[in-house]
Amino acid sequence: MSRATFEGPILSGDNRFGPLRNVGSARLSQNAVVDYSVTTGNGTSFYPGAAQQFVNGNQLSSDANVNATVYTPSSSVYPSVVATIPADSGTNIYRGAVVYLPAGSQIESIVVDYLTAITVGNASLSAVNVYVSNGYTAAAGTPAYATIALGTTTVGTVGRQTTTYSAANLLNMTSTSTDILQGQQPAALSQVVFTLSIVGVTLTTLTAGKFNFDINYVQADGTLGTKTVYPFGNAD
C-alpha cells in the first residue's frame, strides 16, 4: 500500500474560468490530544510532554504524540533558534503543543476542547489560559492568533472552550507568518504553538488534565493564476 504527499492544497470545482468560477480549496486540520495524567514516554498515546518540553500530535496515529521543537519566530534568522521554555516554578507552569504549517496559510478556526480537569495540587490559582501564537507565549502575553481563558481562581469548566480573537489576531490568521527557516526545501514554515499557562501560588506538579488542541486551515497556493502545470483558474 503506497502513501504520497504533495505541495499545494486540494482544489475542487467544475467551473474553472470566468465570473462564476467555483473552484475552492479543501480545509485541512492538525490536532494533538494531550493527557497530563499520562506518564508513558515520547511517542505514546496522549503523551503530554513535560516541563520545558512541548509535543507535536501530527502523526499517522491520531493519539500518538512526540517531542517537538519550539523555535523563536523569525523570517530572517537561519538556522532557526530553539526557544527556551521556562521550567516549572511555584508561580508558573507551562505545557503545550506545536503545529507546523506551510507559510502563508489561512487559519479558519482554532478549537480547544477541555476534556478532564487540571490537577496541580494544593495551589491558589490566579489565571489558567491557553495562548495560540507563532511561538511560546508567557503568562499575560499577547498571542498572535487567539486566547482561550479557562479560569481565574479555578481550573475552569470542562467542555468546548470559547476562543477569543482580537482584531489583530484575525488579521494575522489571514496569512500565517514565516517563523522557521530550517531543514530542506520547502524551508520556510509557519509555527503555531498552543501554550497552556497556569499561574498561581504554591503550584505543584501538574498531574491531570486532558485537552484536544485543534487547528483548521487552508494552504496558500502561489501557482493559482499562473501558467503552470497546475492551471486552475488560469485564463490560457
Protein backbone atom coordinates (compact mmCIF):
# COMPACT_ATOMS: atom_id res chain seq x y z
CA MET A 1 0.00 0.00 0.00
CA SER A 2 1.57 3.29 -1.08
CA ARG A 3 1.45 6.70 0.52
CA ALA A 4 2.15 10.11 -1.00
CA THR A 5 2.23 13.76 -0.03
CA PHE A 6 2.24 16.80 -2.28
CA GLU A 7 2.76 20.54 -2.14
CA GLY A 8 -0.35 22.66 -2.57
CA PRO A 9 -3.96 22.49 -1.43
CA ILE A 10 -6.61 20.11 -2.73
CA LEU A 11 -8.80 22.04 -5.17
CA SER A 12 -12.26 21.11 -6.33
CA GLY A 13 -14.85 22.59 -8.69
CA ASP A 14 -16.44 22.27 -12.13
CA ASN A 15 -16.19 25.85 -13.45
CA ARG A 16 -12.57 26.98 -13.67
CA PHE A 17 -12.92 30.26 -15.54
CA GLY A 18 -14.92 33.48 -15.67
CA PRO A 19 -17.03 35.42 -13.16
CA LEU A 20 -18.81 32.26 -11.96
CA ARG A 21 -15.61 30.35 -11.16
CA ASN A 22 -16.41 27.92 -8.35
CA VAL A 23 -13.06 26.26 -7.64
CA GLY A 24 -12.32 26.05 -3.90
CA SER A 25 -9.67 24.72 -1.54
CA ALA A 26 -10.10 21.87 0.93
CA ARG A 27 -9.88 22.77 4.60
CA LEU A 28 -7.04 20.97 6.38
CA SER A 29 -6.61 20.21 10.06
CA GLN A 30 -4.00 19.18 12.58
CA ASN A 31 -4.52 18.36 16.23
CA ALA A 32 -2.94 16.99 19.38
CA VAL A 33 -4.76 15.32 22.27
CA VAL A 34 -2.70 15.56 25.46
CA ASP A 35 -3.40 13.99 28.84
CA TYR A 36 -1.34 15.23 31.78
CA SER A 37 -2.08 12.12 33.80
CA VAL A 38 -0.16 10.02 31.25
CA THR A 39 3.31 9.03 32.42
CA THR A 40 4.40 6.96 29.42
CA GLY A 41 7.11 8.42 27.25
CA ASN A 42 7.67 10.11 23.93
CA GLY A 43 5.69 8.61 21.05
CA THR A 44 2.90 7.03 23.11
CA SER A 45 -0.83 7.63 23.32
CA PHE A 46 -1.77 11.11 24.58
CA TYR A 47 1.83 11.76 25.69
CA PRO A 48 1.68 15.33 27.13
CA GLY A 49 5.33 16.33 27.18
CA ALA A 50 6.85 17.75 30.34
CA ALA A 51 8.35 20.87 31.84
CA GLN A 52 10.17 22.73 29.05
CA GLN A 53 9.06 20.08 26.51
CA PHE A 54 6.10 20.67 24.18
CA VAL A 55 4.72 18.00 21.85
CA ASN A 56 3.52 17.56 18.28
CA GLY A 57 0.50 15.39 17.52
CA ASN A 58 0.58 15.39 13.71
CA GLN A 59 1.41 11.69 13.46
CA LEU A 60 -0.06 8.81 11.48
CA SER A 61 -1.70 7.58 14.69
CA SER A 62 -4.21 10.17 15.89
CA ASP A 63 -3.39 9.70 19.55
CA ALA A 64 0.42 9.35 19.48
CA ASN A 65 2.39 12.49 20.37
CA VAL A 66 6.12 13.12 20.03
CA ASN A 67 8.52 15.67 21.45
CA ALA A 68 8.52 18.86 19.38
CA THR A 69 10.89 21.77 18.93
CA VAL A 70 9.61 25.28 19.58
CA TYR A 71 11.59 27.92 17.68
CA THR A 72 12.00 31.63 18.25
CA PRO A 73 9.95 33.00 15.32
CA SER A 74 11.97 34.74 12.62
CA SER A 75 11.69 35.19 8.86
CA SER A 76 15.37 36.07 8.50
CA VAL A 77 17.47 34.08 11.00
CA TYR A 78 18.86 30.83 9.55
CA PRO A 79 19.13 28.30 11.00
CA SER A 80 16.21 28.99 13.31
CA VAL A 81 16.97 29.37 17.01
CA VAL A 82 15.39 26.97 19.50
CA ALA A 83 13.27 28.81 22.07
CA THR A 84 13.72 28.27 25.80
CA ILE A 85 10.50 27.43 27.66
CA PRO A 86 10.67 28.25 31.39
CA ALA A 87 10.93 25.44 33.91
CA ASP A 88 8.07 24.83 36.34
CA SER A 89 8.00 27.05 39.39
CA GLY A 90 5.72 27.73 42.33
CA THR A 91 4.06 30.53 40.35
CA ASN A 92 4.06 29.35 36.71
CA ILE A 93 3.58 26.05 34.89
CA TYR A 94 3.74 25.88 31.09
CA ARG A 95 2.79 22.97 28.84
CA GLY A 96 1.86 22.90 25.18
CA ALA A 97 1.67 21.55 21.67
CA VAL A 98 3.14 22.70 18.38
CA VAL A 99 1.74 22.63 14.83
CA TYR A 100 3.81 23.38 11.75
CA LEU A 101 2.02 24.84 8.68
CA PRO A 102 3.07 25.94 5.20
CA ALA A 103 3.95 29.64 5.41
CA GLY A 104 1.11 31.90 4.28
CA SER A 105 -1.68 29.52 5.28
CA GLN A 106 -5.08 30.93 6.22
CA ILE A 107 -6.26 29.80 9.65
CA GLU A 108 -10.01 29.21 9.61
CA SER A 109 -10.60 28.25 13.24
CA ILE A 110 -8.87 27.25 16.46
CA VAL A 111 -10.58 24.77 18.78
CA VAL A 112 -9.67 23.85 22.35
CA ASP A 113 -11.67 21.05 23.96
CA TYR A 114 -11.09 20.76 27.71
CA LEU A 115 -11.80 17.08 28.38
CA THR A 116 -10.82 16.43 32.02
CA ALA A 117 -9.97 18.90 34.75
CA ILE A 118 -6.47 20.10 35.61
CA THR A 119 -4.94 19.00 38.91
CA VAL A 120 -1.99 20.99 40.28
CA GLY A 121 -2.08 20.06 43.96
CA ASN A 122 -2.67 22.50 46.81
CA ALA A 123 -2.41 25.61 44.67
CA SER A 124 -4.01 29.02 44.78
CA LEU A 125 -4.75 29.87 41.15
CA SER A 126 -4.92 33.31 39.57
CA ALA A 127 -5.15 32.52 35.82
CA VAL A 128 -5.40 29.48 33.55
CA ASN A 129 -5.20 30.28 29.83
CA VAL A 130 -4.32 28.73 26.51
CA TYR A 131 -2.46 31.12 24.21
CA VAL A 132 -2.22 30.33 20.50
CA SER A 133 0.62 32.12 18.79
CA ASN A 134 3.55 31.74 16.40
CA GLY A 135 5.82 30.97 19.35
CA TYR A 136 5.80 30.16 23.06
CA THR A 137 3.75 32.79 24.93
CA ALA A 138 4.44 33.74 28.54
CA ALA A 139 1.63 34.39 31.02
CA ALA A 140 -0.29 37.61 30.28
CA GLY A 141 1.40 37.78 26.87
CA THR A 142 -0.17 38.87 23.60
CA PRO A 143 -0.61 35.86 21.30
CA ALA A 144 -0.59 36.23 17.52
CA TYR A 145 -3.71 34.14 16.88
CA ALA A 146 -6.06 33.57 19.83
CA THR A 147 -6.66 33.38 23.58
CA ILE A 148 -8.72 30.77 25.41
CA ALA A 149 -9.45 31.72 29.02
CA LEU A 150 -10.22 28.67 31.18
CA GLY A 151 -10.49 30.18 34.64
CA THR A 152 -9.12 32.58 37.23
CA THR A 153 -9.36 31.21 40.78
CA THR A 154 -10.40 27.77 39.47
CA VAL A 155 -9.15 25.36 36.83
CA GLY A 156 -12.16 26.20 34.67
CA THR A 157 -15.08 24.15 33.36
CA VAL A 158 -14.55 21.17 31.07
CA GLY A 159 -16.12 21.28 27.62
CA ARG A 160 -15.50 23.08 24.34
CA GLN A 161 -13.97 26.43 25.20
CA THR A 162 -14.67 29.88 23.79
CA THR A 163 -11.86 31.06 21.54
CA THR A 164 -11.33 34.83 21.64
CA TYR A 165 -9.87 36.58 18.62
CA SER A 166 -8.78 40.20 18.66
CA ALA A 167 -8.81 42.31 15.50
CA ALA A 168 -5.05 41.81 15.25
CA ASN A 169 -5.50 38.02 15.66
CA LEU A 170 -8.00 37.87 12.80
CA LEU A 171 -5.68 39.84 10.54
CA ASN A 172 -2.74 37.55 11.38
CA MET A 173 -4.87 34.50 10.64
CA THR A 174 -5.40 35.55 7.02
CA SER A 175 -1.79 34.62 6.24
CA THR A 176 0.46 32.86 8.74
CA SER A 177 3.91 34.32 9.21
CA THR A 178 7.21 32.74 8.22
CA ASP A 179 8.60 31.60 11.57
CA ILE A 180 11.02 28.75 10.83
CA LEU A 181 13.90 28.64 8.33
CA GLN A 182 15.18 25.14 8.85
CA GLY A 183 15.88 21.91 7.04
CA GLN A 184 15.39 21.03 3.40
CA GLN A 185 13.01 22.61 0.89
CA PRO A 186 10.41 23.90 1.48
CA ALA A 187 12.49 25.63 4.15
CA ALA A 188 10.01 28.32 5.21
CA LEU A 189 7.35 27.18 7.67
CA SER A 190 4.78 28.72 9.96
CA GLN A 191 4.71 27.66 13.59
CA VAL A 192 1.53 27.58 15.68
CA VAL A 193 2.06 26.97 19.39
CA PHE A 194 -0.66 26.18 21.93
CA THR A 195 0.72 27.31 25.30
CA LEU A 196 -1.17 26.17 28.40
CA SER A 197 -0.29 28.76 31.04
CA ILE A 198 -1.10 28.09 34.71
CA VAL A 199 -0.41 30.95 37.11
CA GLY A 200 -0.82 30.90 40.88
CA VAL A 201 0.87 30.49 44.25
CA THR A 202 2.41 27.29 45.63
CA LEU A 203 1.88 25.46 42.36
CA THR A 204 2.99 21.83 42.40
CA THR A 205 3.37 19.16 39.74
CA LEU A 206 0.68 19.05 37.05
CA THR A 207 -0.79 15.56 37.40
CA ALA A 208 -4.08 15.64 35.46
CA GLY A 209 -5.92 17.46 32.73
CA LYS A 210 -6.78 16.42 29.19
CA PHE A 211 -7.09 18.66 26.12
CA ASN A 212 -7.73 18.49 22.41
CA PHE A 213 -5.85 21.24 20.59
CA ASP A 214 -7.12 21.59 17.02
CA ILE A 215 -6.42 23.98 14.16
CA ASN A 216 -8.23 24.22 10.81
CA TYR A 217 -6.58 25.98 7.89
CA VAL A 218 -6.31 26.39 4.13
CA GLN A 219 -2.90 26.19 2.50
CA ALA A 220 -1.97 29.04 0.18
CA ASP A 221 -1.04 28.18 -3.41
CA GLY A 222 1.14 30.65 -5.29
CA THR A 223 0.63 28.83 -8.59
CA LEU A 224 -3.01 29.88 -8.98
CA GLY A 225 -3.39 32.32 -11.86
CA THR A 226 -0.01 31.49 -13.38
CA LYS A 227 0.89 29.42 -16.43
CA THR A 228 1.97 26.25 -14.67
CA VAL A 229 1.18 22.55 -14.78
CA TYR A 230 -1.39 23.24 -12.05
CA PRO A 231 -3.58 25.67 -14.01
CA PHE A 232 -6.81 26.02 -12.03
CA GLY A 233 -8.16 29.46 -12.83
CA ASN A 234 -5.59 30.25 -15.50
CA ALA A 235 -7.03 32.16 -18.40
CA ASP A 236 -4.97 30.48 -21.11
